Amino acid sequence: MVPKGGLKGHGEWSSADTVLMAVEVTSYDSDTNRRDRIEKPDGYAAAGIPVYLLIDRDDCSVVVFSQPEGCRYRREEKLPFGAAVKLPAPVDITLDTEPLKEFVD
């Protein structure tokens, strides 16, 4: 997620300076735990991306990582599908995750 026009004029690649939030959905691969829950949050934090939202299909949760410092996020909040998820600044919206419950077996 970037502000409108945030990638304009950057060509095929852009720095993470204008990125407000990265969003991922866990995969069903054998290395999902390492890649989606460890490597990606660390990489996004190192890039200075303020918010990383992980939709975790394995345990039906939404994880909000925020306050990047160095290679880690200082804050991590995990909420179940169905919860109202407050995304911190600079995103500043509340995400209704109730519709995600319909994908739970």
C-alpha atoms as a PDB file:
ATOM      1  CA  MET A   1       0.000   0.000   0.000  1.00  0.00           C
ATOM      2  CA  VAL A   2       1.387   3.347  -1.048  1.00  0.00           C
ATOM      3  CA  PRO A   3      -0.137   6.830  -1.198  1.00  0.00           C
ATOM      4  CA  LYS A   4      -1.793   7.684  -4.486  1.00  0.00           C
ATOM      5  CA  GLY A   5       0.982   8.513  -6.952  1.00  0.00           C
ATOM      6  CA  GLY A   6       3.621   7.158  -4.571  1.00  0.00           C
ATOM      7  CA  LEU A   7       5.255   4.987  -7.221  1.00  0.00           C
ATOM      8  CA  LYS A   8       4.850   7.396 -10.122  1.00  0.00           C
ATOM      9  CA  GLY A   9       8.052   8.058 -12.015  1.00  0.00           C
ATOM     10  CA  HIS A  10      10.018   5.291 -10.291  1.00  0.00           C
ATOM     11  CA  GLY A  11      10.128   2.860 -13.218  1.00  0.00           C
ATOM     12  CA  GLU A  12      10.022  -0.875 -12.575  1.00  0.00           C
ATOM     13  CA  TRP A  13      11.641  -0.680  -9.125  1.00  0.00           C
ATOM     14  CA  SER A  14      11.080   1.699  -6.278  1.00  0.00           C
ATOM     15  CA  SER A  15      12.531   2.127  -2.822  1.00  0.00           C
ATOM     16  CA  ALA A  16      10.378   1.258   0.163  1.00  0.00           C
ATOM     17  CA  ASP A  17      10.356   4.898   1.296  1.00  0.00           C
ATOM     18  CA  THR A  18       6.802   5.517   0.115  1.00  0.00           C
ATOM     19  CA  VAL A  19       5.356   2.166   1.248  1.00  0.00           C
ATOM     20  CA  LEU A  20       2.797   2.446   4.046  1.00  0.00           C
ATOM     21  CA  MET A  21       1.991  -1.243   4.472  1.00  0.00           C
ATOM     22  CA  ALA A  22       2.824  -4.672   3.073  1.00  0.00           C
ATOM     23  CA  VAL A  23       0.124  -7.357   3.066  1.00  0.00           C
ATOM     24  CA  GLU A  24       0.681 -11.093   2.781  1.00  0.00           C
ATOM     25  CA  VAL A  25      -1.469 -14.208   2.963  1.00  0.00           C
ATOM     26  CA  THR A  26       0.280 -17.333   4.220  1.00  0.00           C
ATOM     27  CA  SER A  27       0.993 -19.948   1.621  1.00  0.00           C
ATOM     28  CA  TYR A  28       0.571 -23.682   2.071  1.00  0.00           C
ATOM     29  CA  ASP A  29       4.234 -24.466   1.362  1.00  0.00           C
ATOM     30  CA  SER A  30       6.530 -26.479   3.603  1.00  0.00           C
ATOM     31  CA  ASP A  31       8.598 -23.372   4.405  1.00  0.00           C
ATOM     32  CA  THR A  32       5.637 -21.100   5.243  1.00  0.00           C
ATOM     33  CA  ASN A  33       6.584 -20.720   8.907  1.00  0.00           C
ATOM     34  CA  ARG A  34      10.141 -19.621   8.180  1.00  0.00           C
ATOM     35  CA  ARG A  35       9.348 -17.468   5.158  1.00  0.00           C
ATOM     36  CA  ASP A  36       5.990 -15.839   5.999  1.00  0.00           C
ATOM     37  CA  ARG A  37       6.288 -15.522   9.785  1.00  0.00           C
ATOM     38  CA  ILE A  38      10.027 -14.871  10.230  1.00  0.00           C
ATOM     39  CA  GLU A  39      11.882 -13.799   7.082  1.00  0.00           C
ATOM     40  CA  LYS A  40       9.257 -11.506   5.580  1.00  0.00           C
ATOM     41  CA  PRO A  41       8.513  -9.521   8.762  1.00  0.00           C
ATOM     42  CA  ASP A  42      12.250  -9.102   9.330  1.00  0.00           C
ATOM     43  CA  GLY A  43      12.781  -7.987   5.727  1.00  0.00           C
ATOM     44  CA  TYR A  44       9.900  -5.521   5.762  1.00  0.00           C
ATOM     45  CA  ALA A  45      11.077  -4.090   9.091  1.00  0.00           C
ATOM     46  CA  ALA A  46      14.625  -3.726   7.764  1.00  0.00           C
ATOM     47  CA  ALA A  47      13.221  -1.858   4.746  1.00  0.00           C
ATOM     48  CA  GLY A  48      11.420   0.509   7.139  1.00  0.00           C
ATOM     49  CA  ILE A  49       7.898  -0.428   6.061  1.00  0.00           C
ATOM     50  CA  PRO A  50       5.724   0.894   8.904  1.00  0.00           C
ATOM     51  CA  VAL A  51       3.063  -1.842   8.913  1.00  0.00           C
ATOM     52  CA  TYR A  52       3.086  -5.481   7.821  1.00  0.00           C
ATOM     53  CA  LEU A  53      -0.271  -7.278   7.802  1.00  0.00           C
ATOM     54  CA  LEU A  54      -0.142 -11.065   7.714  1.00  0.00           C
ATOM     55  CA  ILE A  55      -3.333 -13.003   7.053  1.00  0.00           C
ATOM     56  CA  ASP A  56      -2.521 -16.391   8.537  1.00  0.00           C
ATOM     57  CA  ARG A  57      -4.704 -19.108   7.056  1.00  0.00           C
ATOM     58  CA  ASP A  58      -3.176 -21.829   9.238  1.00  0.00           C
ATOM     59  CA  ASP A  59      -4.596 -20.543  12.505  1.00  0.00           C
ATOM     60  CA  CYS A  60      -7.303 -18.208  11.146  1.00  0.00           C
ATOM     61  CA  SER A  61      -5.687 -15.060  12.465  1.00  0.00           C
ATOM     62  CA  VAL A  62      -4.579 -11.640  11.348  1.00  0.00           C
ATOM     63  CA  VAL A  63      -1.207 -10.432  12.612  1.00  0.00           C
ATOM     64  CA  VAL A  64      -0.293  -6.746  12.573  1.00  0.00           C
ATOM     65  CA  PHE A  65       3.410  -5.957  12.818  1.00  0.00           C
ATOM     66  CA  SER A  66       4.322  -2.306  13.435  1.00  0.00           C
ATOM     67  CA  GLN A  67       6.980   0.028  14.796  1.00  0.00           C
ATOM     68  CA  PRO A  68       9.966  -1.196  12.760  1.00  0.00           C
ATOM     69  CA  GLU A  69      13.321  -0.816  14.451  1.00  0.00           C
ATOM     70  CA  GLY A  70      16.392  -2.216  12.756  1.00  0.00           C
ATOM     71  CA  CYS A  71      15.544  -5.659  11.423  1.00  0.00           C
ATOM     72  CA  ARG A  72      12.549  -6.299  13.674  1.00  0.00           C
ATOM     73  CA  TYR A  73       9.112  -4.947  14.428  1.00  0.00           C
ATOM     74  CA  ARG A  74       8.753  -3.849  18.058  1.00  0.00           C
ATOM     75  CA  ARG A  75       4.999  -4.456  18.118  1.00  0.00           C
ATOM     76  CA  GLU A  76       3.039  -7.522  17.025  1.00  0.00           C
ATOM     77  CA  GLU A  77      -0.689  -8.000  17.551  1.00  0.00           C
ATOM     78  CA  LYS A  78      -2.475 -11.231  16.650  1.00  0.00           C
ATOM     79  CA  LEU A  79      -6.271 -11.302  16.357  1.00  0.00           C
ATOM     80  CA  PRO A  80      -8.699 -14.003  15.218  1.00  0.00           C
ATOM     81  CA  PHE A  81     -10.640 -13.833  11.969  1.00  0.00           C
ATOM     82  CA  GLY A  82     -13.773 -11.838  12.727  1.00  0.00           C
ATOM     83  CA  ALA A  83     -12.084  -9.220  14.892  1.00  0.00           C
ATOM     84  CA  ALA A  84     -11.972  -5.538  14.052  1.00  0.00           C
ATOM     85  CA  VAL A  85      -8.281  -4.904  13.385  1.00  0.00           C
ATOM     86  CA  LYS A  86      -6.959  -1.390  14.001  1.00  0.00           C
ATOM     87  CA  LEU A  87      -4.093  -0.706  11.629  1.00  0.00           C
ATOM     88  CA  PRO A  88      -1.746   1.878  13.160  1.00  0.00           C
ATOM     89  CA  ALA A  89      -0.314   5.019  11.581  1.00  0.00           C
ATOM     90  CA  PRO A  90       0.392   5.769   8.843  1.00  0.00           C
ATOM     91  CA  VAL A  91      -2.438   3.493   7.644  1.00  0.00           C
ATOM     92  CA  ASP A  92      -4.939   4.479  10.370  1.00  0.00           C
ATOM     93  CA  ILE A  93      -7.916   2.369   9.385  1.00  0.00           C
ATOM     94  CA  THR A  94      -9.921  -0.360  11.075  1.00  0.00           C
ATOM     95  CA  LEU A  95     -10.172  -3.530   9.029  1.00  0.00           C
ATOM     96  CA  ASP A  96     -13.274  -5.698   9.403  1.00  0.00           C
ATOM     97  CA  THR A  97     -12.047  -9.294   9.182  1.00  0.00           C
ATOM     98  CA  GLU A  98     -15.503 -10.855   9.632  1.00  0.00           C
ATOM     99  CA  PRO A  99     -15.635 -11.845   5.920  1.00  0.00           C
ATOM    100  CA  LEU A 100     -12.492 -13.977   6.407  1.00  0.00           C
ATOM    101  CA  LYS A 101     -14.482 -16.332   8.660  1.00  0.00           C
ATOM    102  CA  GLU A 102     -16.329 -17.719   5.644  1.00  0.00           C
ATOM    103  CA  PHE A 103     -13.067 -19.265   4.428  1.00  0.00           C
ATOM    104  CA  VAL A 104     -12.609 -21.292   7.619  1.00  0.00           C
ATOM    105  CA  ASP A 105     -13.389 -24.965   7.224  1.00  0.00           C
END
